Amino acid sequence: MEFIPIQKNLYAIKLNLTDKLAEVKIFIQVLLLQLSAVCSTLAQTTDLNPFVETELILHTRSGDLYGTQLAPANFKKIPVALIIAGSGPTDRDGNNPSMKNNSLKILASALANKGIASLRYDKRGIAKSSPAGKSEADLRFDDLVDDARGWVALLKADKRFSKVIIIGHSEGSLIGMMAAKETNQFISLAGAGQSADLILKKQLMNQPPMIQKICFPIIDSLKKEKTVDSVPKMIYSLFRPSVQPYMISWFKHDPQTEIMKLNIPTLIVQGTNDIQVTVEDAKYLAEANPKAKLVLINNMNHILRIIEGDRKANIESYTKGDAPIATELVEHIADFILRK
C-alpha cells in the first residue's frame, strides 16, 4: 500500500449518540431526508434509471458532512451499505484531485441494480465536507471512526432499511471495522492486514538504507506514543510535527485485532493485481477472524478493475473514470448481503 501524506484541515468530534438530544436530531434528519428523497425522485427518476440520488447531511458540532444515498425511487425494507473511502483526499466517489476513477460511485450503481441501497460520503476536510475540517495537528484516527458511526446511526434510524452493512475500501476497511459494532454485516475491500507502522516500514524497505536508518527510529518512537521534535529536512513532509499526533493514533490500531472483535458476518475481498495492498494482507485478516469469508479475485486491482496488463496498465486505470469494475466483485458482495 503506497503511503499517502495525511490530508490537512481535517476535524472530527465524537457524537454522543446516547444523548437524547442527539437521538432527536437524528430522527428529525431522517424525516427531512425522506421528504427530500420524494422530491428528488420526481426530478431525477426515469424509466431508464429507476434509481434516485439524494444528498444526505450528517450534522455535527464541528460542521456538516455530506454524502450521497443511491436507492430505488420507491422502496421499503431493503439493505443499505455505508461505503467508506480510503486514505488521502479521496472523496465519496473514490476520486482525488489528481486521479478520477469513480470506483466507489460505480460500485454504488452496481449494488443498486442488485436491489441494495448505499450511502457514500466525503470524509472530514475532503471535497464538500471540507468546511468541517480542522488542522492536522488536532485530527485523530478515531475521529474518522466516530464519523462513520454517526452515519451508521443515521441509516439505522431510517426504518425503510432492513439492515445496515459497512463496506470499507483500503483505509476505509480499518475505519469500517471499528465502526461496525452496531451494523449487521461488514465487508473489507482491499483492506490492509497490518498496522500502519509496519506497512510504512515495509514501503521504506524499497528506499536507500540511509533513509531507513533515519525513518525507522521515528516510526518506533511514534509507535510508543512519543513525538519527535527534530525531523531531518529530507523526510520532514512525512514526519512533520503537526502530523505526528495523527500517526500515533493511527499506528495503535491493528486491523487483525479489530477484525477479530467482530461478531457479525464478515467478507474479505482482495484482488490479486493490487499494487497497494497484497493478498497476504487479506490472509492476515482472514486468519484473525476464521469465521470471515475470504474471496480473492483474479487480476483485480486496488480500484476494483480487472487488469491483465503490466504495472503501467494498472496505474493508467487509476484515471479511467468510465471503466467498469469487476463483475465478480459485485456478485460476491450482492450474494453476501442478500443471502438469507
C-alpha atoms as a PDB file:
ATOM      1  CA  MET A   1       0.000   0.000   0.000  1.00  0.00           C
ATOM      2  CA  GLU A   2       1.606   3.283  -1.099  1.00  0.00           C
ATOM      3  CA  PHE A   3       1.877   5.843   1.675  1.00  0.00           C
ATOM      4  CA  ILE A   4      -0.227   8.950   1.167  1.00  0.00           C
ATOM      5  CA  PRO A   5       0.521  12.028   3.294  1.00  0.00           C
ATOM      6  CA  ILE A   6      -2.165  12.855   5.784  1.00  0.00           C
ATOM      7  CA  GLN A   7      -4.512  15.499   4.418  1.00  0.00           C
ATOM      8  CA  LYS A   8      -4.686  18.912   6.032  1.00  0.00           C
ATOM      9  CA  ASN A   9      -7.553  20.790   7.565  1.00  0.00           C
ATOM     10  CA  LEU A  10      -9.457  17.849   8.981  1.00  0.00           C
ATOM     11  CA  TYR A  11     -11.606  17.849  12.056  1.00  0.00           C
ATOM     12  CA  ALA A  12     -13.875  15.468  13.861  1.00  0.00           C
ATOM     13  CA  ILE A  13     -15.560  15.265  17.201  1.00  0.00           C
ATOM     14  CA  LYS A  14     -17.337  12.340  18.828  1.00  0.00           C
ATOM     15  CA  LEU A  15     -21.081  12.272  18.553  1.00  0.00           C
ATOM     16  CA  ASN A  16     -22.806  11.453  21.789  1.00  0.00           C
ATOM     17  CA  LEU A  17     -25.345   9.072  20.283  1.00  0.00           C
ATOM     18  CA  THR A  18     -26.615   8.027  23.675  1.00  0.00           C
ATOM     19  CA  ASP A  19     -27.654  11.559  24.410  1.00  0.00           C
ATOM     20  CA  LYS A  20     -31.392  12.010  23.937  1.00  0.00           C
ATOM     21  CA  LEU A  21     -30.940  15.318  22.158  1.00  0.00           C
ATOM     22  CA  ALA A  22     -28.689  13.653  19.583  1.00  0.00           C
ATOM     23  CA  GLU A  23     -31.310  10.947  19.018  1.00  0.00           C
ATOM     24  CA  VAL A  24     -33.980  13.562  18.393  1.00  0.00           C
ATOM     25  CA  LYS A  25     -31.732  15.390  15.924  1.00  0.00           C
ATOM     26  CA  ILE A  26     -31.082  12.170  14.017  1.00  0.00           C
ATOM     27  CA  PHE A  27     -34.808  11.398  13.907  1.00  0.00           C
ATOM     28  CA  ILE A  28     -35.548  14.862  12.516  1.00  0.00           C
ATOM     29  CA  GLN A  29     -32.773  14.498   9.927  1.00  0.00           C
ATOM     30  CA  VAL A  30     -34.248  11.207   8.722  1.00  0.00           C
ATOM     31  CA  LEU A  31     -37.727  12.703   8.312  1.00  0.00           C
ATOM     32  CA  LEU A  32     -36.337  15.629   6.334  1.00  0.00           C
ATOM     33  CA  LEU A  33     -34.231  13.338   4.159  1.00  0.00           C
ATOM     34  CA  GLN A  34     -37.203  11.113   3.376  1.00  0.00           C
ATOM     35  CA  LEU A  35     -39.153  14.160   2.240  1.00  0.00           C
ATOM     36  CA  SER A  36     -36.165  15.269   0.171  1.00  0.00           C
ATOM     37  CA  ALA A  37     -35.981  11.839  -1.435  1.00  0.00           C
ATOM     38  CA  VAL A  38     -39.587  12.092  -2.578  1.00  0.00           C
ATOM     39  CA  CYS A  39     -38.901  15.443  -4.226  1.00  0.00           C
ATOM     40  CA  SER A  40     -35.664  14.193  -5.790  1.00  0.00           C
ATOM     41  CA  THR A  41     -37.412  11.138  -7.183  1.00  0.00           C
ATOM     42  CA  LEU A  42     -39.817  13.266  -9.180  1.00  0.00           C
ATOM     43  CA  ALA A  43     -36.953  15.235 -10.679  1.00  0.00           C
ATOM     44  CA  GLN A  44     -34.321  12.525 -11.295  1.00  0.00           C
ATOM     45  CA  THR A  45     -36.032   9.194 -11.899  1.00  0.00           C
ATOM     46  CA  THR A  46     -36.721   7.983 -15.431  1.00  0.00           C
ATOM     47  CA  ASP A  47     -37.754   4.691 -16.976  1.00  0.00           C
ATOM     48  CA  LEU A  48     -34.115   4.122 -17.949  1.00  0.00           C
ATOM     49  CA  ASN A  49     -32.806   4.990 -14.489  1.00  0.00           C
ATOM     50  CA  PRO A  50     -35.224   3.809 -11.784  1.00  0.00           C
ATOM     51  CA  PHE A  51     -32.895   4.981  -9.015  1.00  0.00           C
ATOM     52  CA  VAL A  52     -32.567   8.281  -7.232  1.00  0.00           C
ATOM     53  CA  GLU A  53     -29.569  10.006  -5.696  1.00  0.00           C
ATOM     54  CA  THR A  54     -30.291  12.006  -2.564  1.00  0.00           C
ATOM     55  CA  GLU A  55     -27.765  14.164  -0.782  1.00  0.00           C
ATOM     56  CA  LEU A  56     -27.636  13.399   2.919  1.00  0.00           C
ATOM     57  CA  ILE A  57     -26.096  15.597   5.593  1.00  0.00           C
ATOM     58  CA  LEU A  58     -24.673  14.447   8.895  1.00  0.00           C
ATOM     59  CA  HIS A  59     -24.811  17.400  11.286  1.00  0.00           C
ATOM     60  CA  THR A  60     -22.048  17.537  13.882  1.00  0.00           C
ATOM     61  CA  ARG A  61     -20.915  20.193  16.330  1.00  0.00           C
ATOM     62  CA  SER A  62     -17.904  20.985  14.182  1.00  0.00           C
ATOM     63  CA  GLY A  63     -19.613  21.126  10.810  1.00  0.00           C
ATOM     64  CA  ASP A  64     -21.671  19.198   8.307  1.00  0.00           C
ATOM     65  CA  LEU A  65     -20.555  16.084   6.462  1.00  0.00           C
ATOM     66  CA  TYR A  66     -22.070  15.358   3.049  1.00  0.00           C
ATOM     67  CA  GLY A  67     -22.933  12.078   1.391  1.00  0.00           C
ATOM     68  CA  THR A  68     -24.897  10.562  -1.476  1.00  0.00           C
ATOM     69  CA  GLN A  69     -27.608   7.973  -0.965  1.00  0.00           C
ATOM     70  CA  LEU A  70     -28.459   5.863  -4.007  1.00  0.00           C
ATOM     71  CA  ALA A  71     -31.646   3.824  -3.819  1.00  0.00           C
ATOM     72  CA  PRO A  72     -34.691   2.778  -5.865  1.00  0.00           C
ATOM     73  CA  ALA A  73     -37.236   5.545  -6.365  1.00  0.00           C
ATOM     74  CA  ASN A  74     -39.795   3.810  -4.172  1.00  0.00           C
ATOM     75  CA  PHE A  75     -38.533   1.263  -1.712  1.00  0.00           C
ATOM     76  CA  LYS A  76     -39.042  -0.240   1.686  1.00  0.00           C
ATOM     77  CA  LYS A  77     -37.182  -2.839   3.709  1.00  0.00           C
ATOM     78  CA  ILE A  78     -34.079  -3.198   1.568  1.00  0.00           C
ATOM     79  CA  PRO A  79     -30.464  -3.378   2.787  1.00  0.00           C
ATOM     80  CA  VAL A  80     -28.238  -0.308   2.713  1.00  0.00           C
ATOM     81  CA  ALA A  81     -24.445  -0.266   2.544  1.00  0.00           C
ATOM     82  CA  LEU A  82     -22.311   2.521   4.001  1.00  0.00           C
ATOM     83  CA  ILE A  83     -19.315   2.823   1.650  1.00  0.00           C
ATOM     84  CA  ILE A  84     -16.192   4.265   3.309  1.00  0.00           C
ATOM     85  CA  ALA A  85     -13.412   5.588   1.074  1.00  0.00           C
ATOM     86  CA  GLY A  86      -9.679   5.124   1.571  1.00  0.00           C
ATOM     87  CA  SER A  87      -6.936   7.447   2.787  1.00  0.00           C
ATOM     88  CA  GLY A  88      -5.731  10.777   1.495  1.00  0.00           C
ATOM     89  CA  PRO A  89      -8.013  13.267  -0.247  1.00  0.00           C
ATOM     90  CA  THR A  90     -10.274  10.507  -1.606  1.00  0.00           C
ATOM     91  CA  ASP A  91     -13.867  11.657  -1.997  1.00  0.00           C
ATOM     92  CA  ARG A  92     -17.157   9.767  -1.843  1.00  0.00           C
ATOM     93  CA  ASP A  93     -16.813   8.565  -5.444  1.00  0.00           C
ATOM     94  CA  GLY A  94     -13.294   7.163  -4.987  1.00  0.00           C
ATOM     95  CA  ASN A  95     -11.608  10.133  -6.667  1.00  0.00           C
ATOM     96  CA  ASN A  96      -8.956  12.621  -5.605  1.00  0.00           C
ATOM     97  CA  PRO A  97      -7.689  15.841  -7.234  1.00  0.00           C
ATOM     98  CA  SER A  98      -5.107  14.015  -9.363  1.00  0.00           C
ATOM     99  CA  MET A  99      -6.993  10.804 -10.205  1.00  0.00           C
ATOM    100  CA  LYS A 100     -10.591  10.267 -11.260  1.00  0.00           C
ATOM    101  CA  ASN A 101     -11.633   6.629 -11.434  1.00  0.00           C
ATOM    102  CA  ASN A 102     -15.187   6.726  -9.977  1.00  0.00           C
ATOM    103  CA  SER A 103     -14.633   3.294  -8.407  1.00  0.00           C
ATOM    104  CA  LEU A 104     -16.963   3.788  -5.450  1.00  0.00           C
ATOM    105  CA  LYS A 105     -19.598   5.603  -7.492  1.00  0.00           C
ATOM    106  CA  ILE A 106     -19.694   2.724  -9.976  1.00  0.00           C
ATOM    107  CA  LEU A 107     -19.840   0.225  -7.105  1.00  0.00           C
ATOM    108  CA  ALA A 108     -22.858   2.054  -5.670  1.00  0.00           C
ATOM    109  CA  SER A 109     -24.646   1.897  -9.033  1.00  0.00           C
ATOM    110  CA  ALA A 110     -23.878  -1.810  -9.424  1.00  0.00           C
ATOM    111  CA  LEU A 111     -25.286  -2.527  -5.966  1.00  0.00           C
ATOM    112  CA  ALA A 112     -28.419  -0.522  -6.768  1.00  0.00           C
ATOM    113  CA  ASN A 113     -29.015  -2.804  -9.735  1.00  0.00           C
ATOM    114  CA  LYS A 114     -28.980  -5.682  -7.257  1.00  0.00           C
ATOM    115  CA  GLY A 115     -31.593  -4.052  -5.012  1.00  0.00           C
ATOM    116  CA  ILE A 116     -29.081  -2.760  -2.455  1.00  0.00           C
ATOM    117  CA  ALA A 117     -29.138   0.903  -1.442  1.00  0.00           C
ATOM    118  CA  SER A 118     -25.942   2.684  -0.485  1.00  0.00           C
ATOM    119  CA  LEU A 119     -24.544   5.796   1.132  1.00  0.00           C
ATOM    120  CA  ARG A 120     -21.079   7.077   0.279  1.00  0.00           C
ATOM    121  CA  TYR A 121     -19.704  10.236   1.865  1.00  0.00           C
ATOM    122  CA  ASP A 122     -16.927  12.803   1.835  1.00  0.00           C
ATOM    123  CA  LYS A 123     -14.809  12.474   4.948  1.00  0.00           C
ATOM    124  CA  ARG A 124     -13.907  15.492   7.057  1.00  0.00           C
ATOM    125  CA  GLY A 125     -11.819  18.032   5.193  1.00  0.00           C
ATOM    126  CA  ILE A 126     -12.489  16.340   1.844  1.00  0.00           C
ATOM    127  CA  ALA A 127     -14.499  17.741  -1.083  1.00  0.00           C
ATOM    128  CA  LYS A 128     -17.870  19.093   0.072  1.00  0.00           C
ATOM    129  CA  SER A 129     -17.090  18.185   3.707  1.00  0.00           C
ATOM    130  CA  SER A 130     -14.030  20.444   3.662  1.00  0.00           C
ATOM    131  CA  PRO A 131     -15.595  23.148   5.890  1.00  0.00           C
ATOM    132  CA  ALA A 132     -15.879  20.603   8.708  1.00  0.00           C
ATOM    133  CA  GLY A 133     -12.107  20.244   8.696  1.00  0.00           C
ATOM    134  CA  LYS A 134      -9.534  21.196  11.277  1.00  0.00           C
ATOM    135  CA  SER A 135      -5.761  21.494  11.390  1.00  0.00           C
ATOM    136  CA  GLU A 136      -3.983  18.171  11.071  1.00  0.00           C
ATOM    137  CA  ALA A 137      -2.367  18.729  14.471  1.00  0.00           C
ATOM    138  CA  ASP A 138      -5.746  18.114  16.121  1.00  0.00           C
ATOM    139  CA  LEU A 139      -7.003  15.257  13.951  1.00  0.00           C
ATOM    140  CA  ARG A 140      -7.069  11.715  15.312  1.00  0.00           C
ATOM    141  CA  PHE A 141      -7.840   8.460  13.511  1.00  0.00           C
ATOM    142  CA  ASP A 142     -10.672   7.744  15.943  1.00  0.00           C
ATOM    143  CA  ASP A 143     -12.387  10.936  14.751  1.00  0.00           C
ATOM    144  CA  LEU A 144     -12.895   9.297  11.358  1.00  0.00           C
ATOM    145  CA  VAL A 145     -14.305   6.224  13.079  1.00  0.00           C
ATOM    146  CA  ASP A 146     -16.747   8.379  15.048  1.00  0.00           C
ATOM    147  CA  ASP A 147     -17.969   9.981  11.825  1.00  0.00           C
ATOM    148  CA  ALA A 148     -18.650   6.545  10.348  1.00  0.00           C
ATOM    149  CA  ARG A 149     -20.591   5.635  13.495  1.00  0.00           C
ATOM    150  CA  GLY A 150     -22.633   8.787  13.056  1.00  0.00           C
ATOM    151  CA  TRP A 151     -23.600   7.785   9.520  1.00  0.00           C
ATOM    152  CA  VAL A 152     -24.477   4.283  10.741  1.00  0.00           C
ATOM    153  CA  ALA A 153     -26.810   5.780  13.355  1.00  0.00           C
ATOM    154  CA  LEU A 154     -28.479   7.915  10.703  1.00  0.00           C
ATOM    155  CA  LEU A 155     -29.094   4.910   8.466  1.00  0.00           C
ATOM    156  CA  LYS A 156     -30.331   2.722  11.308  1.00  0.00           C
ATOM    157  CA  ALA A 157     -32.888   5.377  12.205  1.00  0.00           C
ATOM    158  CA  ASP A 158     -34.391   5.119   8.706  1.00  0.00           C
ATOM    159  CA  LYS A 159     -36.858   2.253   9.079  1.00  0.00           C
ATOM    160  CA  ARG A 160     -37.130   1.776   5.317  1.00  0.00           C
ATOM    161  CA  PHE A 161     -33.870  -0.165   5.501  1.00  0.00           C
ATOM    162  CA  SER A 162     -33.886  -3.813   6.545  1.00  0.00           C
ATOM    163  CA  LYS A 163     -30.253  -3.842   7.645  1.00  0.00           C
ATOM    164  CA  VAL A 164     -27.059  -1.763   7.544  1.00  0.00           C
ATOM    165  CA  ILE A 165     -23.792  -3.032   6.092  1.00  0.00           C
ATOM    166  CA  ILE A 166     -20.403  -1.326   6.083  1.00  0.00           C
ATOM    167  CA  ILE A 167     -18.174  -1.628   3.010  1.00  0.00           C
ATOM    168  CA  GLY A 168     -14.731  -0.227   3.782  1.00  0.00           C
ATOM    169  CA  HIS A 169     -12.225   0.280   0.966  1.00  0.00           C
ATOM    170  CA  SER A 170      -8.469   0.469   1.647  1.00  0.00           C
ATOM    171  CA  GLU A 171      -8.004   2.551   4.826  1.00  0.00           C
ATOM    172  CA  GLY A 172     -11.799   2.686   4.982  1.00  0.00           C
ATOM    173  CA  SER A 173     -11.622  -1.011   5.849  1.00  0.00           C
ATOM    174  CA  LEU A 174      -9.988  -0.303   9.226  1.00  0.00           C
ATOM    175  CA  ILE A 175     -12.365   2.608   9.856  1.00  0.00           C
ATOM    176  CA  GLY A 176     -15.275   0.334   8.998  1.00  0.00           C
ATOM    177  CA  MET A 177     -14.138  -2.494  11.268  1.00  0.00           C
ATOM    178  CA  MET A 178     -14.071  -0.146  14.222  1.00  0.00           C
ATOM    179  CA  ALA A 179     -17.472   1.357  13.374  1.00  0.00           C
ATOM    180  CA  ALA A 180     -19.232  -1.907  12.530  1.00  0.00           C
ATOM    181  CA  LYS A 181     -20.318  -2.961  16.014  1.00  0.00           C
ATOM    182  CA  GLU A 182     -23.887  -1.709  15.540  1.00  0.00           C
ATOM    183  CA  THR A 183     -24.241  -2.962  11.959  1.00  0.00           C
ATOM    184  CA  ASN A 184     -25.412  -6.271  10.516  1.00  0.00           C
ATOM    185  CA  GLN A 185     -22.524  -7.144   8.196  1.00  0.00           C
ATOM    186  CA  PHE A 186     -19.019  -5.943   7.341  1.00  0.00           C
ATOM    187  CA  ILE A 187     -17.124  -6.084   4.041  1.00  0.00           C
ATOM    188  CA  SER A 188     -13.416  -5.296   3.662  1.00  0.00           C
ATOM    189  CA  LEU A 189     -12.292  -4.284   0.164  1.00  0.00           C
ATOM    190  CA  ALA A 190      -8.519  -4.164  -0.316  1.00  0.00           C
ATOM    191  CA  GLY A 191      -8.005  -3.578   3.393  1.00  0.00           C
ATOM    192  CA  ALA A 192      -4.555  -3.603   4.985  1.00  0.00           C
ATOM    193  CA  GLY A 193      -3.766  -6.580   7.209  1.00  0.00           C
ATOM    194  CA  GLN A 194      -1.150  -4.934   9.413  1.00  0.00           C
ATOM    195  CA  SER A 195      -0.892  -1.767  11.471  1.00  0.00           C
ATOM    196  CA  ALA A 196       0.204   1.360   9.635  1.00  0.00           C
ATOM    197  CA  ASP A 197       3.661   1.494  11.237  1.00  0.00           C
ATOM    198  CA  LEU A 198       4.533  -1.936   9.852  1.00  0.00           C
ATOM    199  CA  ILE A 199       3.136  -1.041   6.436  1.00  0.00           C
ATOM    200  CA  LEU A 200       5.180   2.155   6.364  1.00  0.00           C
ATOM    201  CA  LYS A 201       8.356   0.274   7.278  1.00  0.00           C
ATOM    202  CA  LYS A 202       7.666  -2.250   4.546  1.00  0.00           C
ATOM    203  CA  GLN A 203       7.278   0.543   1.993  1.00  0.00           C
ATOM    204  CA  LEU A 204      10.512   2.139   3.153  1.00  0.00           C
ATOM    205  CA  MET A 205      12.398  -1.097   2.521  1.00  0.00           C
ATOM    206  CA  ASN A 206      12.496  -0.011  -1.123  1.00  0.00           C
ATOM    207  CA  GLN A 207      14.393   3.140  -0.146  1.00  0.00           C
ATOM    208  CA  PRO A 208      18.164   3.504   0.370  1.00  0.00           C
ATOM    209  CA  PRO A 209      19.480   2.203   3.725  1.00  0.00           C
ATOM    210  CA  MET A 210      20.278   5.765   4.759  1.00  0.00           C
ATOM    211  CA  ILE A 211      16.586   6.716   4.555  1.00  0.00           C
ATOM    212  CA  GLN A 212      15.583   3.633   6.523  1.00  0.00           C
ATOM    213  CA  LYS A 213      18.148   4.449   9.212  1.00  0.00           C
ATOM    214  CA  ILE A 214      16.583   7.900   9.656  1.00  0.00           C
ATOM    215  CA  CYS A 215      12.916   6.877   9.406  1.00  0.00           C
ATOM    216  CA  PHE A 216      12.712   3.675  11.415  1.00  0.00           C
ATOM    217  CA  PRO A 217      13.626   5.246  14.803  1.00  0.00           C
ATOM    218  CA  ILE A 218      10.963   7.920  14.255  1.00  0.00           C
ATOM    219  CA  ILE A 219       8.353   5.288  13.435  1.00  0.00           C
ATOM    220  CA  ASP A 220       9.350   3.305  16.521  1.00  0.00           C
ATOM    221  CA  SER A 221       9.038   6.419  18.682  1.00  0.00           C
ATOM    222  CA  LEU A 222       5.573   7.225  17.344  1.00  0.00           C
ATOM    223  CA  LYS A 223       4.526   3.616  17.898  1.00  0.00           C
ATOM    224  CA  LYS A 224       5.444   4.169  21.560  1.00  0.00           C
ATOM    225  CA  GLU A 225       3.247   7.297  21.502  1.00  0.00           C
ATOM    226  CA  LYS A 226       6.224   9.649  21.737  1.00  0.00           C
ATOM    227  CA  THR A 227       6.536  12.566  19.319  1.00  0.00           C
ATOM    228  CA  VAL A 228       9.828  13.525  17.693  1.00  0.00           C
ATOM    229  CA  ASP A 229      10.810  17.184  17.753  1.00  0.00           C
ATOM    230  CA  SER A 230      13.800  17.090  15.424  1.00  0.00           C
ATOM    231  CA  VAL A 231      12.909  15.754  11.964  1.00  0.00           C
ATOM    232  CA  PRO A 232      15.504  15.852   9.146  1.00  0.00           C
ATOM    233  CA  LYS A 233      14.559  18.070   6.235  1.00  0.00           C
ATOM    234  CA  MET A 234      14.599  15.249   3.659  1.00  0.00           C
ATOM    235  CA  ILE A 235      11.770  13.400   5.439  1.00  0.00           C
ATOM    236  CA  TYR A 236      10.054  16.396   7.012  1.00  0.00           C
ATOM    237  CA  SER A 237       6.957  16.169   4.803  1.00  0.00           C
ATOM    238  CA  LEU A 238       6.336  12.613   6.006  1.00  0.00           C
ATOM    239  CA  PHE A 239       7.016  13.122   9.724  1.00  0.00           C
ATOM    240  CA  ARG A 240       6.325  16.827  10.228  1.00  0.00           C
ATOM    241  CA  PRO A 241       5.447  17.545  13.885  1.00  0.00           C
ATOM    242  CA  SER A 242       1.875  18.582  13.079  1.00  0.00           C
ATOM    243  CA  VAL A 243       1.007  15.167  11.641  1.00  0.00           C
ATOM    244  CA  GLN A 244       2.693  13.069  14.317  1.00  0.00           C
ATOM    245  CA  PRO A 245      -0.284  13.020  16.742  1.00  0.00           C
ATOM    246  CA  TYR A 246      -2.465  11.592  13.967  1.00  0.00           C
ATOM    247  CA  MET A 247       0.148   8.976  13.122  1.00  0.00           C
ATOM    248  CA  ILE A 248       0.339   7.943  16.780  1.00  0.00           C
ATOM    249  CA  SER A 249      -3.435   7.484  16.872  1.00  0.00           C
ATOM    250  CA  TRP A 250      -3.289   5.562  13.577  1.00  0.00           C
ATOM    251  CA  PHE A 251      -0.384   3.275  14.493  1.00  0.00           C
ATOM    252  CA  LYS A 252      -2.076   1.979  17.634  1.00  0.00           C
ATOM    253  CA  HIS A 253      -4.862   0.223  15.683  1.00  0.00           C
ATOM    254  CA  ASP A 254      -4.069  -3.234  14.317  1.00  0.00           C
ATOM    255  CA  PRO A 255      -6.557  -4.454  11.666  1.00  0.00           C
ATOM    256  CA  GLN A 256      -6.078  -8.043  12.810  1.00  0.00           C
ATOM    257  CA  THR A 257      -7.058  -7.108  16.354  1.00  0.00           C
ATOM    258  CA  GLU A 258     -10.054  -5.082  15.189  1.00  0.00           C
ATOM    259  CA  ILE A 259     -11.468  -7.675  12.792  1.00  0.00           C
ATOM    260  CA  MET A 260     -11.055 -10.316  15.494  1.00  0.00           C
ATOM    261  CA  LYS A 261     -13.565  -8.361  17.618  1.00  0.00           C
ATOM    262  CA  LEU A 262     -16.331  -8.585  15.021  1.00  0.00           C
ATOM    263  CA  ASN A 263     -19.163 -10.990  15.787  1.00  0.00           C
ATOM    264  CA  ILE A 264     -21.125 -10.219  12.633  1.00  0.00           C
ATOM    265  CA  PRO A 265     -20.930 -11.872   9.185  1.00  0.00           C
ATOM    266  CA  THR A 266     -17.734 -10.610   7.547  1.00  0.00           C
ATOM    267  CA  LEU A 267     -16.495 -10.731   3.955  1.00  0.00           C
ATOM    268  CA  ILE A 268     -12.870 -10.045   2.990  1.00  0.00           C
ATOM    269  CA  VAL A 269     -12.274  -9.282  -0.694  1.00  0.00           C
ATOM    270  CA  GLN A 270      -8.859  -8.795  -2.279  1.00  0.00           C
ATOM    271  CA  GLY A 271      -7.645  -8.543  -5.849  1.00  0.00           C
ATOM    272  CA  THR A 272      -4.541 -10.409  -6.978  1.00  0.00           C
ATOM    273  CA  ASN A 273      -3.270  -7.498  -9.113  1.00  0.00           C
ATOM    274  CA  ASP A 274      -3.380  -4.842  -6.383  1.00  0.00           C
ATOM    275  CA  ILE A 275      -0.139  -2.825  -6.244  1.00  0.00           C
ATOM    276  CA  GLN A 276      -1.089  -1.148  -2.943  1.00  0.00           C
ATOM    277  CA  VAL A 277      -2.482  -3.943  -0.770  1.00  0.00           C
ATOM    278  CA  THR A 278      -1.451  -7.582  -1.101  1.00  0.00           C
ATOM    279  CA  VAL A 279      -3.160 -10.949  -0.956  1.00  0.00           C
ATOM    280  CA  GLU A 280      -1.046 -11.564   2.133  1.00  0.00           C
ATOM    281  CA  ASP A 281      -2.871  -8.681   3.848  1.00  0.00           C
ATOM    282  CA  ALA A 282      -6.233 -10.305   3.146  1.00  0.00           C
ATOM    283  CA  LYS A 283      -4.980 -13.616   4.503  1.00  0.00           C
ATOM    284  CA  TYR A 284      -3.818 -11.905   7.706  1.00  0.00           C
ATOM    285  CA  LEU A 285      -7.359 -10.608   8.207  1.00  0.00           C
ATOM    286  CA  ALA A 286      -8.942 -13.970   7.424  1.00  0.00           C
ATOM    287  CA  GLU A 287      -6.640 -15.759   9.871  1.00  0.00           C
ATOM    288  CA  ALA A 288      -7.525 -13.243  12.581  1.00  0.00           C
ATOM    289  CA  ASN A 289     -11.246 -13.888  12.072  1.00  0.00           C
ATOM    290  CA  PRO A 290     -11.705 -17.531  10.984  1.00  0.00           C
ATOM    291  CA  LYS A 291     -15.460 -17.048  10.636  1.00  0.00           C
ATOM    292  CA  ALA A 292     -14.936 -14.446   7.901  1.00  0.00           C
ATOM    293  CA  LYS A 293     -15.260 -15.411   4.245  1.00  0.00           C
ATOM    294  CA  LEU A 294     -12.192 -14.692   2.098  1.00  0.00           C
ATOM    295  CA  VAL A 295     -12.592 -14.032  -1.629  1.00  0.00           C
ATOM    296  CA  LEU A 296      -9.627 -13.474  -3.948  1.00  0.00           C
ATOM    297  CA  ILE A 297     -10.485 -12.000  -7.348  1.00  0.00           C
ATOM    298  CA  ASN A 298      -8.008 -12.796 -10.082  1.00  0.00           C
ATOM    299  CA  ASN A 299      -6.377  -9.738 -11.689  1.00  0.00           C
ATOM    300  CA  MET A 300      -8.492  -7.183  -9.792  1.00  0.00           C
ATOM    301  CA  ASN A 301      -6.500  -4.108  -8.803  1.00  0.00           C
ATOM    302  CA  HIS A 302      -6.858  -1.623  -5.950  1.00  0.00           C
ATOM    303  CA  ILE A 303      -9.570   0.444  -7.652  1.00  0.00           C
ATOM    304  CA  LEU A 304     -11.649  -2.660  -8.375  1.00  0.00           C
ATOM    305  CA  ARG A 305     -10.797  -3.064 -12.085  1.00  0.00           C
ATOM    306  CA  ILE A 306      -9.643  -6.216 -13.829  1.00  0.00           C
ATOM    307  CA  ILE A 307      -6.153  -5.533 -15.186  1.00  0.00           C
ATOM    308  CA  GLU A 308      -4.372  -8.226 -17.162  1.00  0.00           C
ATOM    309  CA  GLY A 309      -1.532  -5.962 -18.291  1.00  0.00           C
ATOM    310  CA  ASP A 310       1.649  -4.790 -16.592  1.00  0.00           C
ATOM    311  CA  ARG A 311       2.183  -2.217 -13.816  1.00  0.00           C
ATOM    312  CA  LYS A 312       1.908   0.626 -16.343  1.00  0.00           C
ATOM    313  CA  ALA A 313      -1.574  -0.529 -17.402  1.00  0.00           C
ATOM    314  CA  ASN A 314      -2.503  -0.891 -13.743  1.00  0.00           C
ATOM    315  CA  ILE A 315      -1.513   2.682 -12.929  1.00  0.00           C
ATOM    316  CA  GLU A 316      -3.200   4.049 -16.047  1.00  0.00           C
ATOM    317  CA  SER A 317      -6.517   2.590 -14.885  1.00  0.00           C
ATOM    318  CA  TYR A 318      -6.498   4.987 -11.909  1.00  0.00           C
ATOM    319  CA  THR A 319      -7.545   7.821 -14.234  1.00  0.00           C
ATOM    320  CA  LYS A 320     -10.196   5.995 -16.266  1.00  0.00           C
ATOM    321  CA  GLY A 321     -13.468   7.012 -14.702  1.00  0.00           C
ATOM    322  CA  ASP A 322     -15.714   5.179 -17.150  1.00  0.00           C
ATOM    323  CA  ALA A 323     -14.078   1.748 -16.970  1.00  0.00           C
ATOM    324  CA  PRO A 324     -16.302  -0.969 -15.438  1.00  0.00           C
ATOM    325  CA  ILE A 325     -15.424  -2.540 -12.108  1.00  0.00           C
ATOM    326  CA  ALA A 326     -15.003  -6.289 -11.681  1.00  0.00           C
ATOM    327  CA  THR A 327     -18.294  -8.134 -12.244  1.00  0.00           C
ATOM    328  CA  GLU A 328     -17.176 -10.918  -9.909  1.00  0.00           C
ATOM    329  CA  LEU A 329     -16.736  -8.361  -7.125  1.00  0.00           C
ATOM    330  CA  VAL A 330     -20.329  -7.137  -7.441  1.00  0.00           C
ATOM    331  CA  GLU A 331     -21.663 -10.692  -7.497  1.00  0.00           C
ATOM    332  CA  HIS A 332     -19.802 -11.696  -4.350  1.00  0.00           C
ATOM    333  CA  ILE A 333     -20.871  -8.590  -2.456  1.00  0.00           C
ATOM    334  CA  ALA A 334     -24.510  -8.887  -3.529  1.00  0.00           C
ATOM    335  CA  ASP A 335     -24.650 -12.601  -2.693  1.00  0.00           C
ATOM    336  CA  PHE A 336     -23.135 -11.926   0.741  1.00  0.00           C
ATOM    337  CA  ILE A 337     -25.572  -9.114   1.562  1.00  0.00           C
ATOM    338  CA  LEU A 338     -28.723 -10.704   0.158  1.00  0.00           C
ATOM    339  CA  ARG A 339     -28.271 -14.248   1.410  1.00  0.00           C
ATOM    340  CA  LYS A 340     -30.919 -15.347   3.900  1.00  0.00           C
END
